[in-house]
Amino acid sequence: VHIQNIKIMKNKKVVAIFYADARNLSGVKRIGTEVTSVPDDVWNEIDIEVPADLQITSKIEDKNEIFTAKLVFRELCSSLRYRHIAAYKVRLADGSEMLIGNSERPYPVLTKDQNLSSGNSNSQLRELTVTYSDFKDIPYII
């Protein structure tokens, strides 16, 4: 495996995060780096500490460009109870929205981490990380 040219493309401040069953996004249409026909009525908001961080990177691996989104946030309460394959919609500080995942593989991966140390006032918050990689750039919702 040959990896080269890893670069950070975007580092965005996230003000809201929503999740949905990825199967409900089968009608989404992609036009370049944007998606349309994203349904409004399938999303559930996650109660987060604002701002959350979204980092989008790209790398060339075996002559293929791979885009990776890494969304890191702290959950204020256990509102994320989703057990199925999920996709995520994030609202950025500038009001734009991006879609992480869709109705097809590969799906985003959610990792939960709870720090129970007493040194930080926010130590009881669960930190969650969503990672998603694809051969297509992470799209904006229009």
Protein backbone atom coordinates (compact mmCIF):
# COMPACT_ATOMS: atom_id res chain seq x y z
CA VAL A 1 0.00 0.00 0.00
CA HIS A 2 1.46 3.32 -1.06
CA ILE A 3 0.25 6.43 0.80
CA GLN A 4 1.26 9.94 -0.12
CA ASN A 5 0.03 13.53 -0.05
CA ILE A 6 -2.04 13.51 3.13
CA LYS A 7 -3.53 16.97 3.59
CA ILE A 8 -6.08 18.68 5.77
CA MET A 9 -8.64 20.20 3.48
CA LYS A 10 -11.11 21.74 5.89
CA ASN A 11 -11.40 22.26 9.63
CA LYS A 12 -14.91 23.43 10.48
CA LYS A 13 -16.70 24.52 13.66
CA VAL A 14 -19.95 22.62 14.08
CA VAL A 15 -22.93 24.15 15.92
CA ALA A 16 -25.48 21.31 15.52
CA ILE A 17 -25.40 17.59 14.74
CA PHE A 18 -28.28 15.39 13.59
CA TYR A 19 -28.47 11.64 12.90
CA ALA A 20 -30.80 9.50 10.81
CA ASP A 21 -31.21 5.93 9.67
CA ALA A 22 -28.96 5.81 6.59
CA ARG A 23 -31.58 3.74 4.74
CA ASN A 24 -33.83 6.83 4.69
CA LEU A 25 -31.36 8.65 2.43
CA SER A 26 -31.76 6.49 -0.69
CA GLY A 27 -33.28 9.40 -2.65
CA VAL A 28 -30.32 11.73 -2.11
CA LYS A 29 -28.81 12.99 -5.36
CA ARG A 30 -25.16 14.01 -5.66
CA ILE A 31 -24.04 16.86 -7.93
CA GLY A 32 -20.26 17.26 -7.66
CA THR A 33 -19.44 18.23 -4.07
CA GLU A 34 -23.10 18.89 -3.18
CA VAL A 35 -26.16 16.76 -2.47
CA THR A 36 -29.84 17.51 -2.98
CA SER A 37 -33.12 15.80 -2.11
CA VAL A 38 -32.04 15.25 1.50
CA PRO A 39 -35.26 14.61 3.45
CA ASP A 40 -36.02 17.00 6.32
CA ASP A 41 -38.24 14.74 8.43
CA VAL A 42 -35.80 11.89 9.21
CA TRP A 43 -33.27 13.70 11.43
CA ASN A 44 -32.90 13.60 15.22
CA GLU A 45 -30.79 16.29 16.89
CA ILE A 46 -27.98 15.31 19.25
CA ASP A 47 -27.62 17.57 22.30
CA ILE A 48 -23.95 18.64 22.07
CA GLU A 49 -21.48 21.02 23.66
CA VAL A 50 -20.91 23.74 21.06
CA PRO A 51 -18.70 23.99 19.13
CA ALA A 52 -17.88 20.52 17.89
CA ASP A 53 -15.05 19.93 15.44
CA LEU A 54 -15.18 18.55 11.92
CA GLN A 55 -11.91 17.85 10.14
CA ILE A 56 -11.88 16.73 6.52
CA THR A 57 -8.69 15.31 5.06
CA SER A 58 -7.71 13.71 1.80
CA LYS A 59 -4.90 11.34 0.88
CA ILE A 60 -3.71 9.49 -2.18
CA GLU A 61 -3.51 5.73 -1.61
CA ASP A 62 -2.62 3.40 -4.49
CA LYS A 63 -3.40 6.22 -6.97
CA ASN A 64 -6.89 6.76 -5.49
CA GLU A 65 -7.92 9.87 -3.56
CA ILE A 66 -9.66 9.04 -0.30
CA PHE A 67 -11.57 11.67 1.70
CA THR A 68 -12.03 11.24 5.46
CA ALA A 69 -14.31 13.17 7.79
CA LYS A 70 -13.62 13.11 11.53
CA LEU A 71 -16.38 14.64 13.65
CA VAL A 72 -15.57 15.00 17.38
CA PHE A 73 -18.18 16.21 19.85
CA ARG A 74 -19.27 16.00 23.48
CA GLU A 75 -22.78 14.82 24.18
CA LEU A 76 -24.58 16.82 26.90
CA CYS A 77 -27.03 14.02 27.65
CA SER A 78 -27.50 10.53 26.29
CA SER A 79 -29.68 11.61 23.39
CA LEU A 80 -27.89 9.39 20.88
CA ARG A 81 -29.59 6.03 21.29
CA TYR A 82 -29.37 4.94 17.68
CA ARG A 83 -28.40 1.31 17.13
CA HIS A 84 -28.76 1.05 13.34
CA ILE A 85 -26.55 2.26 10.52
CA ALA A 86 -26.61 6.04 10.80
CA ALA A 87 -25.72 9.02 8.66
CA TYR A 88 -25.03 12.46 10.12
CA LYS A 89 -25.97 15.98 9.12
CA VAL A 90 -23.84 18.75 10.59
CA ARG A 91 -24.65 22.46 10.68
CA LEU A 92 -21.60 24.68 10.52
CA ALA A 93 -21.10 28.06 12.17
CA ASP A 94 -21.71 29.80 8.82
CA GLY A 95 -25.17 28.16 8.50
CA SER A 96 -24.19 25.66 5.80
CA GLU A 97 -24.79 21.94 6.26
CA MET A 98 -22.76 18.87 5.32
CA LEU A 99 -23.74 15.20 5.00
CA ILE A 100 -21.53 12.50 6.54
CA GLY A 101 -22.53 9.13 5.12
CA ASN A 102 -25.41 8.06 2.92
CA SER A 103 -27.56 5.02 2.20
CA GLU A 104 -24.68 2.97 0.78
CA ARG A 105 -21.45 1.49 2.11
CA PRO A 106 -19.08 2.61 3.49
CA TYR A 107 -21.03 3.80 6.54
CA PRO A 108 -19.80 6.20 9.25
CA VAL A 109 -18.31 4.61 12.37
CA LEU A 110 -19.27 5.97 15.81
CA THR A 111 -16.84 5.62 18.71
CA LYS A 112 -17.84 6.55 22.28
CA ASP A 113 -15.39 7.50 25.02
CA GLN A 114 -16.29 8.54 28.56
CA ASN A 115 -13.64 10.12 30.76
CA LEU A 116 -14.50 9.79 34.45
CA SER A 117 -11.55 11.77 35.81
CA SER A 118 -12.36 14.51 38.31
CA GLY A 119 -9.93 17.17 37.03
CA ASN A 120 -12.25 18.69 34.43
CA SER A 121 -15.74 20.10 34.98
CA ASN A 122 -16.79 18.54 31.66
CA SER A 123 -15.35 15.13 32.50
CA GLN A 124 -18.79 13.51 32.81
CA LEU A 125 -19.61 14.30 29.19
CA ARG A 126 -19.22 11.49 26.69
CA GLU A 127 -16.90 12.30 23.83
CA LEU A 128 -18.03 10.80 20.57
CA THR A 129 -16.13 10.52 17.33
CA VAL A 130 -17.67 9.82 13.94
CA THR A 131 -15.26 8.79 11.20
CA TYR A 132 -16.18 8.31 7.58
CA SER A 133 -14.04 7.62 4.52
CA ASP A 134 -15.06 7.56 0.87
CA PHE A 135 -13.66 8.10 -2.61
CA LYS A 136 -15.98 11.13 -2.91
CA ASP A 137 -15.53 14.44 -1.07
CA ILE A 138 -17.78 15.12 1.94
CA PRO A 139 -20.71 16.99 0.37
CA TYR A 140 -22.53 20.18 1.30
CA ILE A 141 -26.33 19.94 1.44
CA ILE A 142 -28.12 22.33 -0.91
